[in-house]
C-alpha cells in the first residue's frame, strides 16, 4: 500500500465517487484509509457529563484502499503508481500516467546504483 497520511486522493467508487480529499489515517491491518470529508456518518450520542446536550456527531468512516487513487501531481488526475530505482540507487514512487515523481521511498543505496 503506497498511500500515506496527508496524501491527496480521489474516491473511485461508492456514494462519494469523484470527491477528493486528504488522507487523515491509514489502517494497514484492515487495508482501509480515512479520507477528509468522505464517507461521513452520524454517530448518535447520549447526553453525558462530557457532552450534556447529546445529539448527532458527524464523522468520517474508513474507505477500502482499493476504492481510492493517488492524484498525479503534474496532471492533477487520478493515476496508478509504481516504484523505480534512480541512477544514484534511491527508490521513488512515481505516477504511471505522466512519470512524475510523487515521493522518495528510500535513501540512495550503492547496491542499486547503475554502473557507468
PDB file of N, CA and C in Angstrom:
ATOM      1  N   UNK A   1       0.850  -1.174   0.000  1.00  0.00           N
ATOM      2  CA  UNK A   1       0.000   0.000   0.000  1.00  0.00           C
ATOM      3  C   UNK A   1       0.901   1.245   0.000  1.00  0.00           C
ATOM      4  N   UNK A   2       0.738   2.075  -1.020  1.00  0.00           N
ATOM      5  CA  UNK A   2       1.596   3.248  -1.166  1.00  0.00           C
ATOM      6  C   UNK A   2       0.930   4.526  -0.692  1.00  0.00           C
ATOM      7  N   UNK A   3      -0.258   4.434  -0.125  1.00  0.00           N
ATOM      8  CA  UNK A   3      -0.959   5.626   0.343  1.00  0.00           C
ATOM      9  C   UNK A   3      -0.558   5.887   1.792  1.00  0.00           C
ATOM     10  N   UNK A   4      -0.224   7.135   2.067  1.00  0.00           N
ATOM     11  CA  UNK A   4       0.192   7.548   3.411  1.00  0.00           C
ATOM     12  C   UNK A   4      -0.657   8.716   3.882  1.00  0.00           C
ATOM     13  N   UNK A   5      -0.507   9.048   5.154  1.00  0.00           N
ATOM     14  CA  UNK A   5      -1.198  10.188   5.739  1.00  0.00           C
ATOM     15  C   UNK A   5      -0.796  11.458   4.993  1.00  0.00           C
ATOM     16  N   UNK A   6      -1.740  12.365   4.805  1.00  0.00           N
ATOM     17  CA  UNK A   6      -1.579  13.664   4.137  1.00  0.00           C
ATOM     18  C   UNK A   6      -1.470  13.575   2.611  1.00  0.00           C
ATOM     19  N   UNK A   7      -1.642  12.390   2.012  1.00  0.00           N
ATOM     20  CA  UNK A   7      -1.682  12.278   0.556  1.00  0.00           C
ATOM     21  C   UNK A   7      -3.027  12.785   0.047  1.00  0.00           C
ATOM     22  N   UNK A   8      -3.047  13.328  -1.167  1.00  0.00           N
ATOM     23  CA  UNK A   8      -4.297  13.722  -1.805  1.00  0.00           C
ATOM     24  C   UNK A   8      -4.787  12.560  -2.653  1.00  0.00           C
ATOM     25  N   UNK A   9      -6.049  12.167  -2.436  1.00  0.00           N
ATOM     26  CA  UNK A   9      -6.621  11.033  -3.160  1.00  0.00           C
ATOM     27  C   UNK A   9      -7.984  11.407  -3.719  1.00  0.00           C
ATOM     28  N   UNK A  10      -8.438  10.611  -4.689  1.00  0.00           N
ATOM     29  CA  UNK A  10      -9.774  10.751  -5.250  1.00  0.00           C
ATOM     30  C   UNK A  10     -10.497   9.423  -5.027  1.00  0.00           C
ATOM     31  N   UNK A  11     -11.799   9.498  -4.743  1.00  0.00           N
ATOM     32  CA  UNK A  11     -12.609   8.308  -4.485  1.00  0.00           C
ATOM     33  C   UNK A  11     -13.092   7.748  -5.828  1.00  0.00           C
ATOM     34  N   UNK A  12     -12.883   6.441  -6.028  1.00  0.00           N
ATOM     35  CA  UNK A  12     -13.219   5.803  -7.302  1.00  0.00           C
ATOM     36  C   UNK A  12     -14.579   5.123  -7.301  1.00  0.00           C
ATOM     37  N   UNK A  13     -15.098   4.754  -6.129  1.00  0.00           N
ATOM     38  CA  UNK A  13     -16.357   4.007  -6.078  1.00  0.00           C
ATOM     39  C   UNK A  13     -17.132   4.378  -4.826  1.00  0.00           C
ATOM     40  N   UNK A  14     -18.435   4.175  -4.885  1.00  0.00           N
ATOM     41  CA  UNK A  14     -19.282   4.412  -3.719  1.00  0.00           C
ATOM     42  C   UNK A  14     -20.082   5.695  -3.836  1.00  0.00           C
ATOM     43  N   UNK A  15     -20.728   6.073  -2.737  1.00  0.00           N
ATOM     44  CA  UNK A  15     -21.591   7.259  -2.727  1.00  0.00           C
ATOM     45  C   UNK A  15     -20.803   8.543  -2.966  1.00  0.00           C
ATOM     46  N   UNK A  16     -19.550   8.584  -2.553  1.00  0.00           N
ATOM     47  CA  UNK A  16     -18.730   9.786  -2.675  1.00  0.00           C
ATOM     48  C   UNK A  16     -17.814   9.746  -3.887  1.00  0.00           C
ATOM     49  N   UNK A  17     -18.166   8.984  -4.911  1.00  0.00           N
ATOM     50  CA  UNK A  17     -17.331   8.826  -6.105  1.00  0.00           C
ATOM     51  C   UNK A  17     -17.008  10.189  -6.724  1.00  0.00           C
ATOM     52  N   UNK A  18     -15.733  10.407  -7.015  1.00  0.00           N
ATOM     53  CA  UNK A  18     -15.298  11.649  -7.623  1.00  0.00           C
ATOM     54  C   UNK A  18     -14.815  12.698  -6.647  1.00  0.00           C
ATOM     55  N   UNK A  19     -15.103  12.521  -5.364  1.00  0.00           N
ATOM     56  CA  UNK A  19     -14.667  13.500  -4.370  1.00  0.00           C
ATOM     57  C   UNK A  19     -13.173  13.356  -4.111  1.00  0.00           C
ATOM     58  N   UNK A  20     -12.539  14.469  -3.795  1.00  0.00           N
ATOM     59  CA  UNK A  20     -11.116  14.479  -3.462  1.00  0.00           C
ATOM     60  C   UNK A  20     -10.958  14.855  -2.005  1.00  0.00           C
ATOM     61  N   UNK A  21      -9.890  14.365  -1.414  1.00  0.00           N
ATOM     62  CA  UNK A  21      -9.638  14.713  -0.026  1.00  0.00           C
ATOM     63  C   UNK A  21      -8.264  14.275   0.423  1.00  0.00           C
ATOM     64  N   UNK A  22      -7.915  14.718   1.620  1.00  0.00           N
ATOM     65  CA  UNK A  22      -6.628  14.391   2.206  1.00  0.00           C
ATOM     66  C   UNK A  22      -6.792  13.180   3.113  1.00  0.00           C
ATOM     67  N   UNK A  23      -5.830  12.283   3.087  1.00  0.00           N
ATOM     68  CA  UNK A  23      -5.878  11.091   3.935  1.00  0.00           C
ATOM     69  C   UNK A  23      -5.574  11.503   5.373  1.00  0.00           C
ATOM     70  N   UNK A  24      -6.477  11.191   6.281  1.00  0.00           N
ATOM     71  CA  UNK A  24      -6.299  11.524   7.696  1.00  0.00           C
ATOM     72  C   UNK A  24      -5.618  10.401   8.464  1.00  0.00           C
ATOM     73  N   UNK A  25      -5.978   9.140   8.131  1.00  0.00           N
ATOM     74  CA  UNK A  25      -5.415   7.974   8.828  1.00  0.00           C
ATOM     75  C   UNK A  25      -5.317   6.815   7.862  1.00  0.00           C
ATOM     76  N   UNK A  26      -4.336   5.959   8.085  1.00  0.00           N
ATOM     77  CA  UNK A  26      -4.192   4.739   7.297  1.00  0.00           C
ATOM     78  C   UNK A  26      -4.287   3.561   8.252  1.00  0.00           C
ATOM     79  N   UNK A  27      -5.224   2.654   7.989  1.00  0.00           N
ATOM     80  CA  UNK A  27      -5.426   1.467   8.829  1.00  0.00           C
ATOM     81  C   UNK A  27      -4.878   0.271   8.063  1.00  0.00           C
ATOM     82  N   UNK A  28      -3.583   0.017   8.201  1.00  0.00           N
ATOM     83  CA  UNK A  28      -2.901  -1.023   7.411  1.00  0.00           C
ATOM     84  C   UNK A  28      -3.425  -2.426   7.705  1.00  0.00           C
ATOM     85  N   UNK A  29      -3.750  -2.719   8.953  1.00  0.00           N
ATOM     86  CA  UNK A  29      -4.219  -4.066   9.306  1.00  0.00           C
ATOM     87  C   UNK A  29      -5.564  -4.386   8.665  1.00  0.00           C
ATOM     88  N   UNK A  30      -6.402  -3.369   8.436  1.00  0.00           N
ATOM     89  CA  UNK A  30      -7.717  -3.576   7.823  1.00  0.00           C
ATOM     90  C   UNK A  30      -7.747  -3.176   6.352  1.00  0.00           C
ATOM     91  N   UNK A  31      -6.602  -2.673   5.806  1.00  0.00           N
ATOM     92  CA  UNK A  31      -6.495  -2.267   4.415  1.00  0.00           C
ATOM     93  C   UNK A  31      -7.481  -1.150   4.068  1.00  0.00           C
ATOM     94  N   UNK A  32      -7.576  -0.162   4.963  1.00  0.00           N
ATOM     95  CA  UNK A  32      -8.519   0.944   4.778  1.00  0.00           C
ATOM     96  C   UNK A  32      -7.832   2.275   5.055  1.00  0.00           C
ATOM     97  N   UNK A  33      -8.439   3.351   4.537  1.00  0.00           N
ATOM     98  CA  UNK A  33      -7.964   4.704   4.797  1.00  0.00           C
ATOM     99  C   UNK A  33      -9.153   5.568   5.197  1.00  0.00           C
ATOM    100  N   UNK A  34      -8.872   6.604   5.994  1.00  0.00           N
ATOM    101  CA  UNK A  34      -9.891   7.576   6.370  1.00  0.00           C
ATOM    102  C   UNK A  34      -9.560   8.860   5.620  1.00  0.00           C
ATOM    103  N   UNK A  35     -10.512   9.324   4.788  1.00  0.00           N
ATOM    104  CA  UNK A  35     -10.296  10.492   3.939  1.00  0.00           C
ATOM    105  C   UNK A  35     -11.170  11.632   4.444  1.00  0.00           C
ATOM    106  N   UNK A  36     -10.597  12.829   4.459  1.00  0.00           N
ATOM    107  CA  UNK A  36     -11.275  14.015   4.971  1.00  0.00           C
ATOM    108  C   UNK A  36     -12.528  14.325   4.151  1.00  0.00           C
ATOM    109  N   UNK A  37     -13.697  14.404   4.819  1.00  0.00           N
ATOM    110  CA  UNK A  37     -14.947  14.780   4.172  1.00  0.00           C
ATOM    111  C   UNK A  37     -15.610  13.694   3.363  1.00  0.00           C
ATOM    112  N   UNK A  38     -15.140  12.456   3.456  1.00  0.00           N
ATOM    113  CA  UNK A  38     -15.670  11.358   2.652  1.00  0.00           C
ATOM    114  C   UNK A  38     -16.220  10.265   3.561  1.00  0.00           C
ATOM    115  N   UNK A  39     -17.319   9.625   3.124  1.00  0.00           N
ATOM    116  CA  UNK A  39     -17.953   8.529   3.868  1.00  0.00           C
ATOM    117  C   UNK A  39     -18.354   8.967   5.276  1.00  0.00           C
ATOM    118  N   UNK A  40     -19.033  10.107   5.348  1.00  0.00           N
ATOM    119  CA  UNK A  40     -19.451  10.653   6.641  1.00  0.00           C
ATOM    120  C   UNK A  40     -20.719   9.944   7.118  1.00  0.00           C
ATOM    121  N   UNK A  41     -20.755   9.661   8.419  1.00  0.00           N
ATOM    122  CA  UNK A  41     -21.926   9.062   9.050  1.00  0.00           C
ATOM    123  C   UNK A  41     -22.231   9.845  10.320  1.00  0.00           C
ATOM    124  N   UNK A  42     -23.462   9.684  10.806  1.00  0.00           N
ATOM    125  CA  UNK A  42     -23.848  10.329  12.057  1.00  0.00           C
ATOM    126  C   UNK A  42     -23.720   9.335  13.194  1.00  0.00           C
ATOM    127  N   UNK A  43     -23.042   9.741  14.241  1.00  0.00           N
ATOM    128  CA  UNK A  43     -22.969   8.934  15.447  1.00  0.00           C
ATOM    129  C   UNK A  43     -23.857   9.621  16.474  1.00  0.00           C
ATOM    130  N   UNK A  44     -24.837   8.883  16.978  1.00  0.00           N
ATOM    131  CA  UNK A  44     -25.774   9.444  17.952  1.00  0.00           C
ATOM    132  C   UNK A  44     -25.194   9.307  19.345  1.00  0.00           C
ATOM    133  N   UNK A  45     -25.150  10.423  20.064  1.00  0.00           N
ATOM    134  CA  UNK A  45     -24.550  10.443  21.393  1.00  0.00           C
ATOM    135  C   UNK A  45     -25.613  10.671  22.455  1.00  0.00           C
ATOM    136  N   UNK A  46     -25.558   9.842  23.495  1.00  0.00           N
ATOM    137  CA  UNK A  46     -26.431  10.057  24.641  1.00  0.00           C
ATOM    138  C   UNK A  46     -25.890  11.223  25.455  1.00  0.00           C
ATOM    139  N   UNK A  47     -26.751  11.969  26.110  1.00  0.00           N
ATOM    140  CA  UNK A  47     -26.240  13.032  26.992  1.00  0.00           C
ATOM    141  C   UNK A  47     -25.349  12.434  28.084  1.00  0.00           C
ATOM    142  N   UNK A  48     -24.225  13.066  28.326  1.00  0.00           N
ATOM    143  CA  UNK A  48     -23.295  12.607  29.353  1.00  0.00           C
ATOM    144  C   UNK A  48     -22.662  13.828  30.003  1.00  0.00           C
ATOM    145  N   UNK A  49     -21.802  13.581  30.960  1.00  0.00           N
ATOM    146  CA  UNK A  49     -21.133  14.688  31.634  1.00  0.00           C
ATOM    147  C   UNK A  49     -20.226  15.439  30.655  1.00  0.00           C
ATOM    148  N   UNK A  50     -19.597  14.693  29.774  1.00  0.00           N
ATOM    149  CA  UNK A  50     -18.700  15.300  28.788  1.00  0.00           C
ATOM    150  C   UNK A  50     -19.491  16.055  27.719  1.00  0.00           C
ATOM    151  N   UNK A  51     -20.628  15.501  27.319  1.00  0.00           N
ATOM    152  CA  UNK A  51     -21.471  16.106  26.292  1.00  0.00           C
ATOM    153  C   UNK A  51     -22.896  16.197  26.842  1.00  0.00           C
ATOM    154  N   UNK A  52     -23.206  17.245  27.621  1.00  0.00           N
ATOM    155  CA  UNK A  52     -24.514  17.297  28.296  1.00  0.00           C
ATOM    156  C   UNK A  52     -25.698  17.432  27.346  1.00  0.00           C
ATOM    157  N   UNK A  53     -25.484  17.971  26.148  1.00  0.00           N
ATOM    158  CA  UNK A  53     -26.573  18.150  25.201  1.00  0.00           C
ATOM    159  C   UNK A  53     -26.921  16.854  24.467  1.00  0.00           C
ATOM    160  N   UNK A  54     -25.927  15.994  24.251  1.00  0.00           N
ATOM    161  CA  UNK A  54     -26.168  14.804  23.432  1.00  0.00           C
ATOM    162  C   UNK A  54     -26.203  15.217  21.974  1.00  0.00           C
ATOM    163  N   UNK A  55     -26.898  14.467  21.132  1.00  0.00           N
ATOM    164  CA  UNK A  55     -27.080  14.860  19.733  1.00  0.00           C
ATOM    165  C   UNK A  55     -26.367  13.951  18.752  1.00  0.00           C
ATOM    166  N   UNK A  56     -26.167  14.502  17.538  1.00  0.00           N
ATOM    167  CA  UNK A  56     -25.562  13.732  16.451  1.00  0.00           C
ATOM    168  C   UNK A  56     -24.199  14.318  16.108  1.00  0.00           C
ATOM    169  N   UNK A  57     -23.204  13.442  16.030  1.00  0.00           N
ATOM    170  CA  UNK A  57     -21.849  13.841  15.669  1.00  0.00           C
ATOM    171  C   UNK A  57     -21.540  13.258  14.299  1.00  0.00           C
ATOM    172  N   UNK A  58     -21.124  14.109  13.362  1.00  0.00           N
ATOM    173  CA  UNK A  58     -20.790  13.642  12.018  1.00  0.00           C
ATOM    174  C   UNK A  58     -19.308  13.303  11.982  1.00  0.00           C
ATOM    175  N   UNK A  59     -18.977  12.082  11.528  1.00  0.00           N
ATOM    176  CA  UNK A  59     -17.576  11.668  11.492  1.00  0.00           C
ATOM    177  C   UNK A  59     -17.295  10.858  10.239  1.00  0.00           C
ATOM    178  N   UNK A  60     -16.005  10.834   9.847  1.00  0.00           N
ATOM    179  CA  UNK A  60     -15.599  10.071   8.674  1.00  0.00           C
ATOM    180  C   UNK A  60     -15.341   8.627   9.068  1.00  0.00           C
ATOM    181  N   UNK A  61     -15.756   7.716   8.204  1.00  0.00           N
ATOM    182  CA  UNK A  61     -15.513   6.301   8.415  1.00  0.00           C
ATOM    183  C   UNK A  61     -14.495   5.816   7.383  1.00  0.00           C
ATOM    184  N   UNK A  62     -13.825   4.690   7.664  1.00  0.00           N
ATOM    185  CA  UNK A  62     -12.804   4.194   6.742  1.00  0.00           C
ATOM    186  C   UNK A  62     -13.383   3.759   5.390  1.00  0.00           C
ATOM    187  N   UNK A  63     -12.560   3.927   4.347  1.00  0.00           N
ATOM    188  CA  UNK A  63     -12.883   3.513   2.989  1.00  0.00           C
ATOM    189  C   UNK A  63     -11.831   2.493   2.578  1.00  0.00           C
ATOM    190  N   UNK A  64     -12.233   1.456   1.851  1.00  0.00           N
ATOM    191  CA  UNK A  64     -11.266   0.463   1.403  1.00  0.00           C
ATOM    192  C   UNK A  64     -10.255   1.113   0.465  1.00  0.00           C
ATOM    193  N   UNK A  65      -9.000   0.728   0.615  1.00  0.00           N
ATOM    194  CA  UNK A  65      -7.919   1.351  -0.152  1.00  0.00           C
ATOM    195  C   UNK A  65      -8.063   1.079  -1.650  1.00  0.00           C
ATOM    196  N   UNK A  66      -8.773   0.035  -2.036  1.00  0.00           N
ATOM    197  CA  UNK A  66      -8.971  -0.252  -3.459  1.00  0.00           C
ATOM    198  C   UNK A  66      -9.920   0.751  -4.103  1.00  0.00           C
ATOM    199  N   UNK A  67     -10.645   1.510  -3.308  1.00  0.00           N
ATOM    200  CA  UNK A  67     -11.596   2.487  -3.835  1.00  0.00           C
ATOM    201  C   UNK A  67     -11.045   3.900  -3.882  1.00  0.00           C
ATOM    202  N   UNK A  68      -9.748   4.073  -3.654  1.00  0.00           N
ATOM    203  CA  UNK A  68      -9.136   5.389  -3.754  1.00  0.00           C
ATOM    204  C   UNK A  68      -7.919   5.314  -4.672  1.00  0.00           C
ATOM    205  N   UNK A  69      -7.572   6.458  -5.284  1.00  0.00           N
ATOM    206  CA  UNK A  69      -6.386   6.536  -6.149  1.00  0.00           C
ATOM    207  C   UNK A  69      -5.636   7.821  -5.824  1.00  0.00           C
ATOM    208  N   UNK A  70      -4.316   7.732  -5.841  1.00  0.00           N
ATOM    209  CA  UNK A  70      -3.498   8.921  -5.637  1.00  0.00           C
ATOM    210  C   UNK A  70      -3.673   9.881  -6.807  1.00  0.00           C
ATOM    211  N   UNK A  71      -3.487  11.171  -6.537  1.00  0.00           N
ATOM    212  CA  UNK A  71      -3.617  12.186  -7.572  1.00  0.00           C
ATOM    213  C   UNK A  71      -2.234  12.504  -8.128  1.00  0.00           C
ATOM    214  N   UNK A  72      -2.117  12.493  -9.446  1.00  0.00           N
ATOM    215  CA  UNK A  72      -0.870  12.803 -10.141  1.00  0.00           C
ATOM    216  C   UNK A  72      -0.529  14.279  -9.894  1.00  0.00           C
ATOM    217  N   UNK A  73       0.655  14.593  -9.356  1.00  0.00           N
ATOM    218  CA  UNK A  73       0.981  15.987  -9.059  1.00  0.00           C
ATOM    219  C   UNK A  73       1.122  16.863 -10.310  1.00  0.00           C
ATOM    220  N   UNK A  74       1.415  16.258 -11.456  1.00  0.00           N
ATOM    221  CA  UNK A  74       1.631  17.032 -12.678  1.00  0.00           C
ATOM    222  C   UNK A  74       0.320  17.327 -13.405  1.00  0.00           C
ATOM    223  N   UNK A  75      -0.532  16.314 -13.572  1.00  0.00           N
ATOM    224  CA  UNK A  75      -1.764  16.484 -14.343  1.00  0.00           C
ATOM    225  C   UNK A  75      -2.995  16.691 -13.472  1.00  0.00           C
ATOM    226  N   UNK A  76      -2.873  16.506 -12.169  1.00  0.00           N
ATOM    227  CA  UNK A  76      -3.973  16.690 -11.218  1.00  0.00           C
ATOM    228  C   UNK A  76      -5.143  15.740 -11.505  1.00  0.00           C
ATOM    229  N   UNK A  77      -4.830  14.513 -11.951  1.00  0.00           N
ATOM    230  CA  UNK A  77      -5.840  13.493 -12.231  1.00  0.00           C
ATOM    231  C   UNK A  77      -5.469  12.222 -11.477  1.00  0.00           C
ATOM    232  N   UNK A  78      -6.429  11.303 -11.272  1.00  0.00           N
ATOM    233  CA  UNK A  78      -6.100  10.043 -10.602  1.00  0.00           C
ATOM    234  C   UNK A  78      -5.146   9.216 -11.442  1.00  0.00           C
ATOM    235  N   UNK A  79      -4.242   8.518 -10.787  1.00  0.00           N
ATOM    236  CA  UNK A  79      -3.262   7.724 -11.510  1.00  0.00           C
ATOM    237  C   UNK A  79      -2.874   6.492 -10.722  1.00  0.00           C
ATOM    238  N   UNK A  80      -2.395   5.484 -11.458  1.00  0.00           N
ATOM    239  CA  UNK A  80      -1.779   4.341 -10.805  1.00  0.00           C
ATOM    240  C   UNK A  80      -0.353   4.731 -10.480  1.00  0.00           C
ATOM    241  N   UNK A  81       0.255   4.032  -9.546  1.00  0.00           N
ATOM    242  CA  UNK A  81       1.616   4.376  -9.149  1.00  0.00           C
ATOM    243  C   UNK A  81       2.527   3.168  -9.278  1.00  0.00           C
ATOM    244  N   UNK A  82       3.809   3.446  -9.406  1.00  0.00           N
ATOM    245  CA  UNK A  82       4.809   2.398  -9.483  1.00  0.00           C
ATOM    246  C   UNK A  82       6.053   2.836  -8.734  1.00  0.00           C
ATOM    247  N   UNK A  83       7.001   1.901  -8.595  1.00  0.00           N
ATOM    248  CA  UNK A  83       8.268   2.233  -7.960  1.00  0.00           C
ATOM    249  C   UNK A  83       9.385   2.031  -8.976  1.00  0.00           C
ATOM    250  N   UNK A  84      10.433   2.812  -8.816  1.00  0.00           N
ATOM    251  CA  UNK A  84      11.600   2.664  -9.679  1.00  0.00           C
ATOM    252  C   UNK A  84      12.838   3.132  -8.928  1.00  0.00           C
ATOM    253  N   UNK A  85      13.977   2.578  -9.365  1.00  0.00           N
ATOM    254  CA  UNK A  85      15.255   2.979  -8.797  1.00  0.00           C
ATOM    255  C   UNK A  85      15.872   4.044  -9.696  1.00  0.00           C
ATOM    256  N   UNK A  86      16.419   5.067  -9.079  1.00  0.00           N
ATOM    257  CA  UNK A  86      17.104   6.129  -9.810  1.00  0.00           C
ATOM    258  C   UNK A  86      18.564   5.753 -10.003  1.00  0.00           C
ATOM    259  N   UNK A  87      19.282   6.433 -10.883  1.00  0.00           N
ATOM    260  CA  UNK A  87      20.688   6.087 -11.122  1.00  0.00           C
ATOM    261  C   UNK A  87      21.566   6.117  -9.865  1.00  0.00           C
ATOM    262  N   UNK A  88      21.226   6.960  -8.880  1.00  0.00           N
ATOM    263  CA  UNK A  88      22.034   7.020  -7.649  1.00  0.00           C
ATOM    264  C   UNK A  88      21.691   5.899  -6.671  1.00  0.00           C
ATOM    265  N   UNK A  89      20.678   5.073  -6.984  1.00  0.00           N
ATOM    266  CA  UNK A  89      20.320   3.943  -6.134  1.00  0.00           C
ATOM    267  C   UNK A  89      19.163   4.212  -5.197  1.00  0.00           C
ATOM    268  N   UNK A  90      18.588   5.419  -5.210  1.00  0.00           N
ATOM    269  CA  UNK A  90      17.441   5.696  -4.352  1.00  0.00           C
ATOM    270  C   UNK A  90      16.166   5.208  -5.045  1.00  0.00           C
ATOM    271  N   UNK A  91      15.180   4.854  -4.231  1.00  0.00           N
ATOM    272  CA  UNK A  91      13.921   4.319  -4.745  1.00  0.00           C
ATOM    273  C   UNK A  91      12.857   5.393  -4.624  1.00  0.00           C
ATOM    274  N   UNK A  92      12.025   5.541  -5.666  1.00  0.00           N
ATOM    275  CA  UNK A  92      10.986   6.568  -5.629  1.00  0.00           C
ATOM    276  C   UNK A  92       9.647   6.006  -6.095  1.00  0.00           C
ATOM    277  N   UNK A  93       8.583   6.687  -5.678  1.00  0.00           N
ATOM    278  CA  UNK A  93       7.220   6.388  -6.094  1.00  0.00           C
ATOM    279  C   UNK A  93       6.880   7.365  -7.217  1.00  0.00           C
ATOM    280  N   UNK A  94       6.361   6.857  -8.342  1.00  0.00           N
ATOM    281  CA  UNK A  94       6.066   7.751  -9.455  1.00  0.00           C
ATOM    282  C   UNK A  94       4.687   7.462 -10.029  1.00  0.00           C
ATOM    283  N   UNK A  95       4.140   8.456 -10.721  1.00  0.00           N
ATOM    284  CA  UNK A  95       2.836   8.328 -11.365  1.00  0.00           C
ATOM    285  C   UNK A  95       3.013   7.648 -12.709  1.00  0.00           C
ATOM    286  N   UNK A  96       2.217   6.622 -12.973  1.00  0.00           N
ATOM    287  CA  UNK A  96       2.344   5.862 -14.218  1.00  0.00           C
ATOM    288  C   UNK A  96       1.924   6.692 -15.436  1.00  0.00           C
ATOM    289  N   UNK A  97       0.941   7.582 -15.294  1.00  0.00           N
ATOM    290  CA  UNK A  97       0.456   8.357 -16.436  1.00  0.00           C
ATOM    291  C   UNK A  97       1.500   9.333 -16.957  1.00  0.00           C
ATOM    292  N   UNK A  98       2.053  10.148 -16.057  1.00  0.00           N
ATOM    293  CA  UNK A  98       2.957  11.208 -16.503  1.00  0.00           C
ATOM    294  C   UNK A  98       4.422  10.919 -16.205  1.00  0.00           C
ATOM    295  N   UNK A  99       4.684   9.957 -15.346  1.00  0.00           N
ATOM    296  CA  UNK A  99       6.061   9.675 -14.962  1.00  0.00           C
ATOM    297  C   UNK A  99       6.583  10.616 -13.893  1.00  0.00           C
ATOM    298  N   UNK A 100       5.724  11.466 -13.346  1.00  0.00           N
ATOM    299  CA  UNK A 100       6.132  12.445 -12.337  1.00  0.00           C
ATOM    300  C   UNK A 100       6.435  11.761 -11.005  1.00  0.00           C
ATOM    301  N   UNK A 101       7.431  12.283 -10.314  1.00  0.00           N
ATOM    302  CA  UNK A 101       7.830  11.760  -9.008  1.00  0.00           C
ATOM    303  C   UNK A 101       6.803  12.195  -7.961  1.00  0.00           C
ATOM    304  N   UNK A 102       6.354  11.233  -7.136  1.00  0.00           N
ATOM    305  CA  UNK A 102       5.423  11.551  -6.059  1.00  0.00           C
ATOM    306  C   UNK A 102       6.175  11.715  -4.747  1.00  0.00           C
ATOM    307  N   UNK A 103       7.026  10.731  -4.419  1.00  0.00           N
ATOM    308  CA  UNK A 103       7.838  10.839  -3.200  1.00  0.00           C
ATOM    309  C   UNK A 103       8.993   9.867  -3.250  1.00  0.00           C
ATOM    310  N   UNK A 104      10.022  10.126  -2.442  1.00  0.00           N
ATOM    311  CA  UNK A 104      11.157   9.233  -2.324  1.00  0.00           C
ATOM    312  C   UNK A 104      10.830   8.177  -1.287  1.00  0.00           C
ATOM    313  N   UNK A 105      11.087   6.900  -1.617  1.00  0.00           N
ATOM    314  CA  UNK A 105      10.779   5.804  -0.701  1.00  0.00           C
ATOM    315  C   UNK A 105      11.987   5.366   0.121  1.00  0.00           C
ATOM    316  N   UNK A 106      13.204   5.482  -0.435  1.00  0.00           N
ATOM    317  CA  UNK A 106      14.381   5.088   0.336  1.00  0.00           C
ATOM    318  C   UNK A 106      15.577   5.940  -0.061  1.00  0.00           C
ATOM    319  N   UNK A 107      16.549   5.956   0.821  1.00  0.00           N
ATOM    320  CA  UNK A 107      17.777   6.703   0.587  1.00  0.00           C
ATOM    321  C   UNK A 107      18.613   5.993  -0.473  1.00  0.00           C
ATOM    322  N   UNK A 108      19.589   6.700  -1.046  1.00  0.00           N
ATOM    323  CA  UNK A 108      20.452   6.052  -2.049  1.00  0.00           C
ATOM    324  C   UNK A 108      21.179   4.842  -1.481  1.00  0.00           C
ATOM    325  N   UNK A 109      21.146   3.750  -2.228  1.00  0.00           N
ATOM    326  CA  UNK A 109      21.809   2.510  -1.844  1.00  0.00           C
ATOM    327  C   UNK A 109      22.754   2.129  -2.982  1.00  0.00           C
ATOM    328  N   UNK A 110      24.064   2.053  -2.712  1.00  0.00           N
ATOM    329  CA  UNK A 110      25.011   1.752  -3.796  1.00  0.00           C
ATOM    330  C   UNK A 110      24.756   0.408  -4.468  1.00  0.00           C
ATOM    331  N   UNK A 111      24.067  -0.489  -3.781  1.00  0.00           N
ATOM    332  CA  UNK A 111      23.742  -1.803  -4.341  1.00  0.00           C
ATOM    333  C   UNK A 111      22.860  -1.698  -5.583  1.00  0.00           C
ATOM    334  N   UNK A 112      21.983  -0.666  -5.606  1.00  0.00           N
ATOM    335  CA  UNK A 112      21.056  -0.495  -6.714  1.00  0.00           C
ATOM    336  C   UNK A 112      21.467   0.618  -7.668  1.00  0.00           C
ATOM    337  N   UNK A 113      22.601   1.243  -7.451  1.00  0.00           N
ATOM    338  CA  UNK A 113      23.060   2.312  -8.336  1.00  0.00           C
ATOM    339  C   UNK A 113      23.536   1.704  -9.658  1.00  0.00           C
ATOM    340  N   UNK A 114      23.268   2.425 -10.730  1.00  0.00           N
ATOM    341  CA  UNK A 114      23.700   1.928 -12.039  1.00  0.00           C
ATOM    342  C   UNK A 114      25.182   2.206 -12.221  1.00  0.00           C
ATOM    343  N   UNK A 115      25.870   1.270 -12.840  1.00  0.00           N
ATOM    344  CA  UNK A 115      27.322   1.384 -13.056  1.00  0.00           C
ATOM    345  C   UNK A 115      27.566   2.121 -14.363  1.00  0.00           C
ATOM    346  N   UNK A 116      28.487   3.076 -14.340  1.00  0.00           N
ATOM    347  CA  UNK A 116      28.831   3.811 -15.574  1.00  0.00           C
ATOM    348  C   UNK A 116      30.196   3.409 -16.037  1.00  0.00           C
TER     349      UNK A 116
END
